[in-house]
Amino acid sequence: MKNSFTTSFWQKPLVSQVRCITLSNIYFSVSFLFFLCELG
């Protein structure tokens, strides 16, 4: 059961995973910059 789940997970397109991670990092960076501006 676990092996089939892992296999199906790794069969997803790698590009979409990288894109999602990149968008998350950009969103976090922008939020952090706004947080620093609020403190300043």
PDB file of N, CA and C in Angstrom:
ATOM      1  N   MET A   1       0.841  -1.197   0.000  1.00  0.00           N
ATOM      2  CA  MET A   1       0.000   0.000   0.000  1.00  0.00           C
ATOM      3  C   MET A   1       0.880   1.252   0.000  1.00  0.00           C
ATOM      4  N   LYS A   2       1.842   1.272   0.899  1.00  0.00           N
ATOM      5  CA  LYS A   2       2.725   2.434   0.985  1.00  0.00           C
ATOM      6  C   LYS A   2       3.598   2.554  -0.258  1.00  0.00           C
ATOM      7  N   ASN A   3       4.050   1.403  -0.791  1.00  0.00           N
ATOM      8  CA  ASN A   3       4.907   1.439  -1.975  1.00  0.00           C
ATOM      9  C   ASN A   3       4.155   2.003  -3.175  1.00  0.00           C
ATOM     10  N   SER A   4       2.906   1.600  -3.345  1.00  0.00           N
ATOM     11  CA  SER A   4       2.127   2.093  -4.481  1.00  0.00           C
ATOM     12  C   SER A   4       1.887   3.593  -4.345  1.00  0.00           C
ATOM     13  N   PHE A   5       1.663   4.056  -3.123  1.00  0.00           N
ATOM     14  CA  PHE A   5       1.447   5.488  -2.909  1.00  0.00           C
ATOM     15  C   PHE A   5       2.716   6.268  -3.242  1.00  0.00           C
ATOM     16  N   THR A   6       3.859   5.774  -2.799  1.00  0.00           N
ATOM     17  CA  THR A   6       5.130   6.450  -3.079  1.00  0.00           C
ATOM     18  C   THR A   6       5.404   6.471  -4.573  1.00  0.00           C
ATOM     19  N   THR A   7       5.117   5.355  -5.253  1.00  0.00           N
ATOM     20  CA  THR A   7       5.353   5.287  -6.695  1.00  0.00           C
ATOM     21  C   THR A   7       4.469   6.288  -7.433  1.00  0.00           C
ATOM     22  N   SER A   8       3.202   6.351  -7.074  1.00  0.00           N
ATOM     23  CA  SER A   8       2.292   7.285  -7.742  1.00  0.00           C
ATOM     24  C   SER A   8       2.696   8.721  -7.443  1.00  0.00           C
ATOM     25  N   PHE A   9       3.245   8.944  -6.253  1.00  0.00           N
ATOM     26  CA  PHE A   9       3.676  10.300  -5.895  1.00  0.00           C
ATOM     27  C   PHE A   9       4.854  10.740  -6.752  1.00  0.00           C
ATOM     28  N   TRP A  10       5.831   9.839  -6.918  1.00  0.00           N
ATOM     29  CA  TRP A  10       7.029  10.195  -7.693  1.00  0.00           C
ATOM     30  C   TRP A  10       6.758  10.188  -9.190  1.00  0.00           C
ATOM     31  N   GLN A  11       5.606   9.659  -9.616  1.00  0.00           N
ATOM     32  CA  GLN A  11       5.280   9.671 -11.045  1.00  0.00           C
ATOM     33  C   GLN A  11       4.696  11.010 -11.477  1.00  0.00           C
ATOM     34  N   LYS A  12       4.409  11.888 -10.521  1.00  0.00           N
ATOM     35  CA  LYS A  12       3.884  13.205 -10.878  1.00  0.00           C
ATOM     36  C   LYS A  12       4.965  14.003 -11.597  1.00  0.00           C
ATOM     37  N   PRO A  13       4.566  14.910 -12.470  1.00  0.00           N
ATOM     38  CA  PRO A  13       5.552  15.714 -13.205  1.00  0.00           C
ATOM     39  C   PRO A  13       6.420  16.521 -12.249  1.00  0.00           C
ATOM     40  N   LEU A  14       7.718  16.434 -12.465  1.00  0.00           N
ATOM     41  CA  LEU A  14       8.653  17.137 -11.587  1.00  0.00           C
ATOM     42  C   LEU A  14       8.557  18.648 -11.780  1.00  0.00           C
ATOM     43  N   VAL A  15       8.202  19.066 -12.992  1.00  0.00           N
ATOM     44  CA  VAL A  15       8.122  20.501 -13.282  1.00  0.00           C
ATOM     45  C   VAL A  15       7.063  21.171 -12.420  1.00  0.00           C
ATOM     46  N   SER A  16       5.916  20.533 -12.267  1.00  0.00           N
ATOM     47  CA  SER A  16       4.847  21.124 -11.471  1.00  0.00           C
ATOM     48  C   SER A  16       5.261  21.219 -10.004  1.00  0.00           C
ATOM     49  N   GLN A  17       6.011  20.225  -9.518  1.00  0.00           N
ATOM     50  CA  GLN A  17       6.478  20.263  -8.129  1.00  0.00           C
ATOM     51  C   GLN A  17       7.438  21.423  -7.929  1.00  0.00           C
ATOM     52  N   VAL A  18       8.382  21.575  -8.858  1.00  0.00           N
ATOM     53  CA  VAL A  18       9.358  22.664  -8.744  1.00  0.00           C
ATOM     54  C   VAL A  18       8.659  24.015  -8.836  1.00  0.00           C
ATOM     55  N   ARG A  19       7.677  24.118  -9.725  1.00  0.00           N
ATOM     56  CA  ARG A  19       6.943  25.378  -9.876  1.00  0.00           C
ATOM     57  C   ARG A  19       6.201  25.719  -8.590  1.00  0.00           C
ATOM     58  N   CYS A  20       5.575  24.738  -7.976  1.00  0.00           N
ATOM     59  CA  CYS A  20       4.836  24.977  -6.735  1.00  0.00           C
ATOM     60  C   CYS A  20       5.788  25.411  -5.630  1.00  0.00           C
ATOM     61  N   ILE A  21       6.941  24.742  -5.533  1.00  0.00           N
ATOM     62  CA  ILE A  21       7.923  25.090  -4.501  1.00  0.00           C
ATOM     63  C   ILE A  21       8.456  26.498  -4.737  1.00  0.00           C
ATOM     64  N   THR A  22       8.706  26.840  -5.999  1.00  0.00           N
ATOM     65  CA  THR A  22       9.226  28.171  -6.315  1.00  0.00           C
ATOM     66  C   THR A  22       8.212  29.250  -5.962  1.00  0.00           C
ATOM     67  N   LEU A  23       6.946  29.024  -6.299  1.00  0.00           N
ATOM     68  CA  LEU A  23       5.909  29.998  -5.972  1.00  0.00           C
ATOM     69  C   LEU A  23       5.772  30.151  -4.466  1.00  0.00           C
ATOM     70  N   SER A  24       5.893  29.065  -3.723  1.00  0.00           N
ATOM     71  CA  SER A  24       5.801  29.121  -2.265  1.00  0.00           C
ATOM     72  C   SER A  24       6.959  29.931  -1.692  1.00  0.00           C
ATOM     73  N   ASN A  25       8.166  29.714  -2.235  1.00  0.00           N
ATOM     74  CA  ASN A  25       9.332  30.456  -1.759  1.00  0.00           C
ATOM     75  C   ASN A  25       9.194  31.944  -2.062  1.00  0.00           C
ATOM     76  N   ILE A  26       8.698  32.279  -3.252  1.00  0.00           N
ATOM     77  CA  ILE A  26       8.514  33.688  -3.616  1.00  0.00           C
ATOM     78  C   ILE A  26       7.481  34.330  -2.693  1.00  0.00           C
ATOM     79  N   TYR A  27       6.385  33.642  -2.441  1.00  0.00           N
ATOM     80  CA  TYR A  27       5.338  34.172  -1.567  1.00  0.00           C
ATOM     81  C   TYR A  27       5.874  34.391  -0.159  1.00  0.00           C
ATOM     82  N   PHE A  28       6.674  33.437   0.337  1.00  0.00           N
ATOM     83  CA  PHE A  28       7.248  33.558   1.675  1.00  0.00           C
ATOM     84  C   PHE A  28       8.218  34.733   1.742  1.00  0.00           C
ATOM     85  N   SER A  29       9.031  34.913   0.701  1.00  0.00           N
ATOM     86  CA  SER A  29      10.009  36.008   0.680  1.00  0.00           C
ATOM     87  C   SER A  29       9.302  37.361   0.683  1.00  0.00           C
ATOM     88  N   VAL A  30       8.262  37.500  -0.133  1.00  0.00           N
ATOM     89  CA  VAL A  30       7.522  38.762  -0.197  1.00  0.00           C
ATOM     90  C   VAL A  30       6.851  39.046   1.145  1.00  0.00           C
ATOM     91  N   SER A  31       6.260  38.036   1.746  1.00  0.00           N
ATOM     92  CA  SER A  31       5.608  38.217   3.042  1.00  0.00           C
ATOM     93  C   SER A  31       6.625  38.620   4.101  1.00  0.00           C
ATOM     94  N   PHE A  32       7.805  38.007   4.056  1.00  0.00           N
ATOM     95  CA  PHE A  32       8.847  38.321   5.028  1.00  0.00           C
ATOM     96  C   PHE A  32       9.344  39.755   4.842  1.00  0.00           C
ATOM     97  N   LEU A  33       9.459  40.204   3.586  1.00  0.00           N
ATOM     98  CA  LEU A  33       9.888  41.583   3.321  1.00  0.00           C
ATOM     99  C   LEU A  33       8.853  42.576   3.849  1.00  0.00           C
ATOM    100  N   PHE A  34       7.576  42.298   3.632  1.00  0.00           N
ATOM    101  CA  PHE A  34       6.533  43.172   4.153  1.00  0.00           C
ATOM    102  C   PHE A  34       6.560  43.188   5.676  1.00  0.00           C
ATOM    103  N   PHE A  35       6.858  42.042   6.283  1.00  0.00           N
ATOM    104  CA  PHE A  35       6.939  41.962   7.746  1.00  0.00           C
ATOM    105  C   PHE A  35       8.079  42.835   8.260  1.00  0.00           C
ATOM    106  N   LEU A  36       9.229  42.806   7.578  1.00  0.00           N
ATOM    107  CA  LEU A  36      10.368  43.637   7.984  1.00  0.00           C
ATOM    108  C   LEU A  36      10.039  45.118   7.807  1.00  0.00           C
ATOM    109  N   CYS A  37       9.335  45.453   6.745  1.00  0.00           N
ATOM    110  CA  CYS A  37       8.958  46.849   6.520  1.00  0.00           C
ATOM    111  C   CYS A  37       8.019  47.327   7.620  1.00  0.00           C
ATOM    112  N   GLU A  38       7.122  46.472   8.072  1.00  0.00           N
ATOM    113  CA  GLU A  38       6.200  46.832   9.148  1.00  0.00           C
ATOM    114  C   GLU A  38       6.970  47.066  10.445  1.00  0.00           C
ATOM    115  N   LEU A  39       7.999  46.256  10.698  1.00  0.00           N
ATOM    116  CA  LEU A  39       8.804  46.432  11.905  1.00  0.00           C
ATOM    117  C   LEU A  39       9.629  47.711  11.815  1.00  0.00           C
ATOM    118  N   GLY A  40      10.140  47.998  10.619  1.00  0.00           N
ATOM    119  CA  GLY A  40      10.984  49.168  10.435  1.00  0.00           C
ATOM    120  C   GLY A  40      10.161  50.442  10.495  1.00  0.00           C
TER     121      GLY A  40
END
